[in-house]
N, C-alpha and C. Protein backbone atom coordinates (compact mmCIF):
# COMPACT_ATOMS: atom_id res chain seq x y z
N MET A 1 -168.68 -9.95 49.14
CA MET A 1 -168.30 -10.61 47.73
C MET A 1 -168.04 -9.58 46.60
N ALA A 2 -167.95 -8.13 46.90
CA ALA A 2 -167.85 -7.34 45.83
C ALA A 2 -166.90 -7.59 44.98
N ASN A 3 -165.69 -8.20 45.24
CA ASN A 3 -164.67 -8.29 44.46
C ASN A 3 -164.61 -9.54 43.65
N ILE A 4 -165.34 -10.56 43.78
CA ILE A 4 -165.66 -11.60 43.14
C ILE A 4 -166.95 -11.80 42.22
N PRO A 5 -166.57 -11.46 40.91
CA PRO A 5 -167.88 -11.13 39.92
C PRO A 5 -168.54 -12.48 39.99
N GLU A 6 -170.10 -12.55 39.91
CA GLU A 6 -170.94 -13.49 39.52
C GLU A 6 -171.27 -13.60 38.03
N ILE A 7 -170.79 -14.53 37.27
CA ILE A 7 -171.25 -14.79 35.94
C ILE A 7 -172.24 -15.75 35.86
N ASP A 8 -172.84 -15.84 34.39
CA ASP A 8 -174.06 -16.99 34.33
C ASP A 8 -173.53 -17.56 32.75
N GLU A 9 -174.74 -18.17 32.23
CA GLU A 9 -174.56 -19.13 31.30
C GLU A 9 -174.25 -18.07 30.06
N GLY A 10 -174.89 -16.76 29.99
CA GLY A 10 -174.29 -15.84 29.07
C GLY A 10 -172.91 -15.28 29.13
N THR A 11 -172.42 -15.53 30.09
CA THR A 11 -170.94 -14.75 30.16
C THR A 11 -169.92 -15.81 30.37
N PHE A 12 -170.44 -17.05 30.73
CA PHE A 12 -169.42 -18.12 31.18
C PHE A 12 -168.25 -18.33 30.22
N GLU A 13 -168.53 -18.67 28.69
CA GLU A 13 -167.69 -18.81 27.97
C GLU A 13 -166.56 -17.86 27.56
N SER A 14 -166.87 -16.35 27.58
CA SER A 14 -166.10 -15.28 27.60
C SER A 14 -165.18 -14.99 28.84
N GLU A 15 -165.73 -15.44 29.99
CA GLU A 15 -165.13 -15.14 31.34
C GLU A 15 -164.26 -16.36 31.62
N VAL A 16 -164.64 -17.65 31.36
CA VAL A 16 -163.98 -18.63 31.70
C VAL A 16 -163.02 -19.45 30.66
N LEU A 17 -163.65 -19.66 29.47
CA LEU A 17 -163.02 -20.68 28.64
C LEU A 17 -162.18 -19.86 27.73
N THR A 18 -161.98 -18.73 27.55
CA THR A 18 -161.51 -17.84 26.36
C THR A 18 -160.28 -17.31 26.95
N GLY A 19 -160.17 -16.64 28.45
CA GLY A 19 -159.20 -15.98 28.87
C GLY A 19 -157.84 -16.49 28.82
N PRO A 20 -156.71 -15.79 29.01
CA PRO A 20 -155.49 -16.31 28.91
C PRO A 20 -154.87 -16.77 30.35
N ASP A 21 -155.66 -16.55 31.60
CA ASP A 21 -155.19 -16.86 32.82
C ASP A 21 -156.11 -17.80 33.22
N PRO A 22 -155.58 -18.92 34.31
CA PRO A 22 -156.54 -19.84 34.88
C PRO A 22 -157.48 -19.24 35.40
N VAL A 23 -158.79 -19.93 35.70
CA VAL A 23 -159.90 -19.34 36.18
C VAL A 23 -160.43 -20.40 37.06
N LEU A 24 -160.71 -19.87 38.40
CA LEU A 24 -161.26 -20.68 39.50
C LEU A 24 -162.86 -20.38 39.59
N VAL A 25 -163.68 -21.31 39.20
CA VAL A 25 -165.05 -20.99 39.18
C VAL A 25 -165.50 -21.50 40.59
N ASP A 26 -166.28 -20.78 41.22
CA ASP A 26 -166.91 -21.28 42.62
C ASP A 26 -168.31 -21.30 42.43
N PHE A 27 -168.69 -22.75 42.22
CA PHE A 27 -170.24 -22.98 41.91
C PHE A 27 -170.94 -23.19 43.32
N SER A 28 -171.81 -22.29 43.72
CA SER A 28 -172.39 -22.31 45.05
C SER A 28 -173.94 -21.96 45.02
N ALA A 29 -174.60 -21.81 45.91
CA ALA A 29 -176.10 -21.39 46.10
C ALA A 29 -176.31 -20.46 47.33
N VAL A 30 -177.26 -19.60 47.35
CA VAL A 30 -177.30 -18.63 48.40
C VAL A 30 -177.73 -19.41 49.43
N TRP A 31 -178.45 -20.63 49.38
CA TRP A 31 -178.96 -21.43 50.59
C TRP A 31 -178.01 -22.25 51.31
N CYS A 32 -176.61 -22.37 50.59
CA CYS A 32 -175.76 -23.48 50.98
C CYS A 32 -174.71 -22.70 52.35
N GLY A 33 -175.04 -23.54 53.37
CA GLY A 33 -174.21 -22.89 54.32
C GLY A 33 -172.64 -23.34 54.01
N PRO A 34 -172.15 -24.63 53.69
CA PRO A 34 -170.86 -24.57 53.47
C PRO A 34 -170.50 -23.64 52.11
N CYS A 35 -171.18 -23.23 51.67
CA CYS A 35 -170.68 -22.36 50.70
C CYS A 35 -170.12 -20.84 51.50
N LYS A 36 -171.01 -20.43 52.25
CA LYS A 36 -170.69 -19.20 53.03
C LYS A 36 -169.56 -19.66 53.70
N MET A 37 -169.26 -20.54 54.15
CA MET A 37 -168.04 -20.85 54.91
C MET A 37 -166.88 -20.93 54.14
N LEU A 38 -167.09 -21.06 52.80
CA LEU A 38 -165.84 -21.20 51.92
C LEU A 38 -165.54 -19.73 51.36
N ASP A 39 -166.80 -19.16 51.40
CA ASP A 39 -166.52 -17.56 50.74
C ASP A 39 -165.17 -16.84 50.97
N PRO A 40 -165.01 -16.75 52.61
CA PRO A 40 -163.79 -15.98 52.87
C PRO A 40 -162.54 -16.73 52.33
N ILE A 41 -162.39 -17.95 52.30
CA ILE A 41 -161.13 -18.60 51.65
C ILE A 41 -160.72 -18.35 50.35
N VAL A 42 -162.19 -18.54 49.68
CA VAL A 42 -161.98 -18.08 48.07
C VAL A 42 -161.49 -16.50 47.68
N GLU A 43 -162.11 -15.68 48.66
CA GLU A 43 -161.71 -14.09 48.48
C GLU A 43 -160.23 -14.07 49.02
N GLU A 44 -159.71 -14.74 49.83
CA GLU A 44 -158.36 -14.73 50.26
C GLU A 44 -157.52 -15.25 49.00
N LEU A 45 -157.72 -16.55 48.33
CA LEU A 45 -156.94 -17.06 47.37
C LEU A 45 -157.09 -15.94 46.12
N ALA A 46 -158.13 -15.30 46.10
CA ALA A 46 -158.40 -14.25 44.86
C ALA A 46 -157.54 -13.05 45.00
N SER A 47 -157.48 -12.72 46.33
CA SER A 47 -156.42 -11.72 46.79
C SER A 47 -154.87 -12.24 46.57
N GLU A 48 -154.80 -13.14 47.02
CA GLU A 48 -153.22 -13.70 47.19
C GLU A 48 -152.74 -13.97 45.71
N TRP A 49 -153.69 -14.46 44.82
CA TRP A 49 -153.19 -15.10 43.40
C TRP A 49 -153.62 -14.10 42.24
N GLU A 50 -153.92 -12.80 42.64
CA GLU A 50 -154.29 -11.82 42.01
C GLU A 50 -153.20 -11.71 40.87
N GLY A 51 -153.61 -11.40 39.59
CA GLY A 51 -152.59 -11.27 38.41
C GLY A 51 -152.26 -12.89 38.09
N LYS A 52 -152.55 -13.69 38.82
CA LYS A 52 -152.21 -15.04 38.34
C LYS A 52 -153.25 -16.03 38.04
N LEU A 53 -154.47 -15.29 38.55
CA LEU A 53 -155.62 -16.47 38.61
C LEU A 53 -156.95 -15.44 38.72
N LYS A 54 -157.74 -15.67 37.84
CA LYS A 54 -159.04 -14.97 38.08
C LYS A 54 -160.24 -15.82 38.53
N VAL A 55 -160.95 -15.41 39.67
CA VAL A 55 -161.93 -15.88 40.52
C VAL A 55 -163.28 -15.39 40.14
N VAL A 56 -164.54 -16.31 39.74
CA VAL A 56 -165.63 -15.79 39.24
C VAL A 56 -166.43 -17.13 40.29
N LYS A 57 -167.68 -16.50 40.39
CA LYS A 57 -168.83 -17.42 41.05
C LYS A 57 -169.92 -17.73 40.09
N ILE A 58 -170.56 -18.83 40.25
CA ILE A 58 -171.83 -19.09 39.62
C ILE A 58 -172.76 -19.64 40.48
N ASP A 59 -173.97 -19.05 40.66
CA ASP A 59 -174.94 -19.59 41.54
C ASP A 59 -175.61 -20.88 40.62
N VAL A 60 -175.56 -22.04 41.29
CA VAL A 60 -176.17 -22.94 40.45
C VAL A 60 -177.79 -22.93 40.16
N ASP A 61 -178.47 -22.05 40.85
CA ASP A 61 -179.92 -22.16 40.79
C ASP A 61 -180.16 -21.27 39.64
N HIS A 62 -179.18 -20.29 39.39
CA HIS A 62 -179.31 -19.21 38.29
C HIS A 62 -178.92 -19.74 37.02
N SER A 63 -177.88 -20.39 37.10
CA SER A 63 -177.25 -20.97 35.65
C SER A 63 -177.18 -22.62 35.99
N PRO A 64 -178.34 -23.36 36.03
CA PRO A 64 -178.25 -24.79 36.23
C PRO A 64 -177.68 -25.33 34.75
N GLY A 65 -177.81 -24.79 33.64
CA GLY A 65 -177.13 -25.37 32.58
C GLY A 65 -175.49 -25.63 32.39
N ILE A 66 -175.12 -24.82 33.17
CA ILE A 66 -173.45 -24.67 33.40
C ILE A 66 -173.19 -25.87 34.42
N ALA A 67 -173.95 -25.73 35.33
CA ALA A 67 -173.80 -26.88 36.32
C ALA A 67 -174.18 -28.43 35.84
N MET A 68 -174.98 -28.38 35.15
CA MET A 68 -175.06 -29.80 34.58
C MET A 68 -173.91 -30.16 33.40
N GLN A 69 -173.70 -28.98 32.66
CA GLN A 69 -172.54 -29.40 31.80
C GLN A 69 -171.18 -29.92 32.26
N TYR A 70 -170.93 -29.46 33.47
CA TYR A 70 -169.83 -29.72 33.95
C TYR A 70 -170.08 -30.74 35.35
N GLN A 71 -171.46 -31.00 35.35
CA GLN A 71 -171.53 -32.34 36.23
C GLN A 71 -171.30 -31.87 37.88
N VAL A 72 -171.67 -30.62 37.93
CA VAL A 72 -171.67 -30.43 39.44
C VAL A 72 -172.72 -30.66 40.14
N LEU A 73 -172.82 -31.77 40.84
CA LEU A 73 -173.63 -32.27 41.77
C LEU A 73 -174.10 -31.80 43.04
N GLY A 74 -173.08 -31.05 43.61
CA GLY A 74 -173.34 -30.67 44.98
C GLY A 74 -172.38 -29.39 44.97
N VAL A 75 -172.81 -28.53 45.98
CA VAL A 75 -172.26 -27.18 46.15
C VAL A 75 -171.61 -27.22 47.58
N PRO A 76 -170.78 -26.52 47.91
CA PRO A 76 -169.79 -25.79 47.04
C PRO A 76 -168.74 -26.77 45.99
N THR A 77 -168.54 -26.25 44.95
CA THR A 77 -167.88 -27.15 43.91
C THR A 77 -166.86 -25.85 43.44
N LEU A 78 -165.48 -26.11 43.60
CA LEU A 78 -164.64 -25.21 43.08
C LEU A 78 -163.79 -25.88 41.86
N MET A 79 -163.70 -25.45 40.60
CA MET A 79 -163.18 -26.02 39.39
C MET A 79 -162.22 -25.08 38.81
N LEU A 80 -161.07 -25.40 38.74
CA LEU A 80 -160.07 -24.79 38.12
C LEU A 80 -160.04 -24.97 36.47
N PHE A 81 -160.04 -23.73 35.70
CA PHE A 81 -160.00 -24.21 34.24
C PHE A 81 -158.66 -23.53 33.86
N VAL A 82 -158.07 -24.25 32.90
CA VAL A 82 -156.77 -23.87 32.55
C VAL A 82 -156.72 -23.85 30.85
N ASP A 83 -156.72 -23.04 30.12
CA ASP A 83 -156.78 -23.05 28.62
C ASP A 83 -157.92 -23.46 28.29
N GLY A 84 -158.98 -23.37 28.96
CA GLY A 84 -160.30 -23.48 28.70
C GLY A 84 -160.90 -24.79 29.08
N GLU A 85 -160.16 -25.79 29.81
CA GLU A 85 -160.34 -27.08 30.35
C GLU A 85 -160.26 -27.10 31.70
N SER A 86 -161.39 -28.05 32.15
CA SER A 86 -161.46 -27.94 33.56
C SER A 86 -160.07 -29.12 33.98
N ARG A 87 -159.35 -28.76 35.03
CA ARG A 87 -158.23 -29.28 35.17
C ARG A 87 -158.28 -29.99 36.50
N GLU A 88 -159.05 -29.11 37.68
CA GLU A 88 -159.22 -29.76 38.93
C GLU A 88 -160.67 -29.52 39.41
N ARG A 89 -160.83 -30.24 40.38
CA ARG A 89 -162.43 -30.28 40.91
C ARG A 89 -162.14 -30.34 42.47
N ILE A 90 -162.77 -29.55 43.29
CA ILE A 90 -162.90 -29.56 44.45
C ILE A 90 -164.17 -29.53 45.26
N THR A 91 -165.03 -30.46 45.94
CA THR A 91 -166.53 -30.32 46.10
C THR A 91 -166.51 -30.55 47.60
N GLY A 92 -167.28 -29.68 48.28
CA GLY A 92 -167.37 -29.55 49.48
C GLY A 92 -166.52 -28.65 50.01
N PHE A 93 -166.95 -28.36 51.47
CA PHE A 93 -166.04 -27.31 52.04
C PHE A 93 -164.94 -28.11 52.43
N GLN A 94 -163.45 -27.35 52.02
CA GLN A 94 -162.10 -27.88 52.51
C GLN A 94 -161.33 -26.80 52.89
N PRO A 95 -160.37 -27.03 53.95
CA PRO A 95 -159.64 -25.84 54.42
C PRO A 95 -158.77 -25.13 53.44
N LYS A 96 -158.32 -24.10 53.34
CA LYS A 96 -157.51 -23.44 52.43
C LYS A 96 -156.35 -24.21 52.23
N LYS A 97 -155.64 -24.99 53.26
CA LYS A 97 -154.28 -25.49 52.95
C LYS A 97 -154.71 -26.58 52.01
N ARG A 98 -155.67 -27.36 51.86
CA ARG A 98 -156.02 -28.43 50.93
C ARG A 98 -156.44 -27.68 49.54
N ILE A 99 -156.85 -26.71 49.56
CA ILE A 99 -157.21 -26.17 48.22
C ILE A 99 -156.19 -25.65 47.56
N VAL A 100 -155.02 -24.98 48.30
CA VAL A 100 -153.66 -24.46 47.82
C VAL A 100 -152.83 -25.73 47.42
N SER A 101 -152.85 -26.41 48.00
CA SER A 101 -152.36 -27.80 47.55
C SER A 101 -152.86 -28.44 46.22
N LYS A 102 -153.89 -28.40 45.99
CA LYS A 102 -154.50 -28.97 44.77
C LYS A 102 -154.33 -27.88 43.52
N LEU A 103 -154.60 -26.55 43.91
CA LEU A 103 -154.56 -25.65 42.73
C LEU A 103 -153.10 -24.93 42.66
N GLY A 104 -152.36 -24.75 43.51
CA GLY A 104 -151.11 -24.27 43.89
C GLY A 104 -150.23 -24.56 42.38
N PRO A 105 -149.90 -25.82 42.04
CA PRO A 105 -149.09 -26.06 41.01
C PRO A 105 -149.35 -25.69 39.76
N TYR A 106 -150.76 -25.30 39.72
CA TYR A 106 -151.15 -24.56 38.17
C TYR A 106 -151.05 -23.17 38.17
N ILE A 107 -151.18 -22.52 39.47
CA ILE A 107 -150.99 -21.21 39.64
C ILE A 107 -149.84 -20.72 39.49
N ASN A 108 -148.86 -21.50 40.52
CA ASN A 108 -147.23 -20.84 40.42
C ASN A 108 -146.51 -21.19 39.30
N SER A 109 -146.93 -22.04 38.27
CA SER A 109 -146.43 -22.34 37.26
C SER A 109 -146.64 -21.31 36.01
N ASN A 110 -147.80 -20.40 36.11
CA ASN A 110 -147.81 -19.28 35.34
C ASN A 110 -146.99 -18.36 35.51
């Protein structure tokens, strides 16, 4: 997980809301089994979309305010932010193909 930075409530705005690139936020928790299953897929996407997409993680136990603000009720939840706004949300473990089909149009248009 070294290549995906973990952010918190203090860095959320600067890392997610104000940057020029789309940002995929992986809301997860250390105790979450499906989150661990999703980690390799998120790492692959970060690698494949490098330069087009920024990927960050948020531990909902360490940053509950952000999770509440964006109504993250279950983990894992992936949220795609474009121009500071949430555009897509994927909750629960999903296969890579489904994630790519939902997020790809935003990434490939950049």
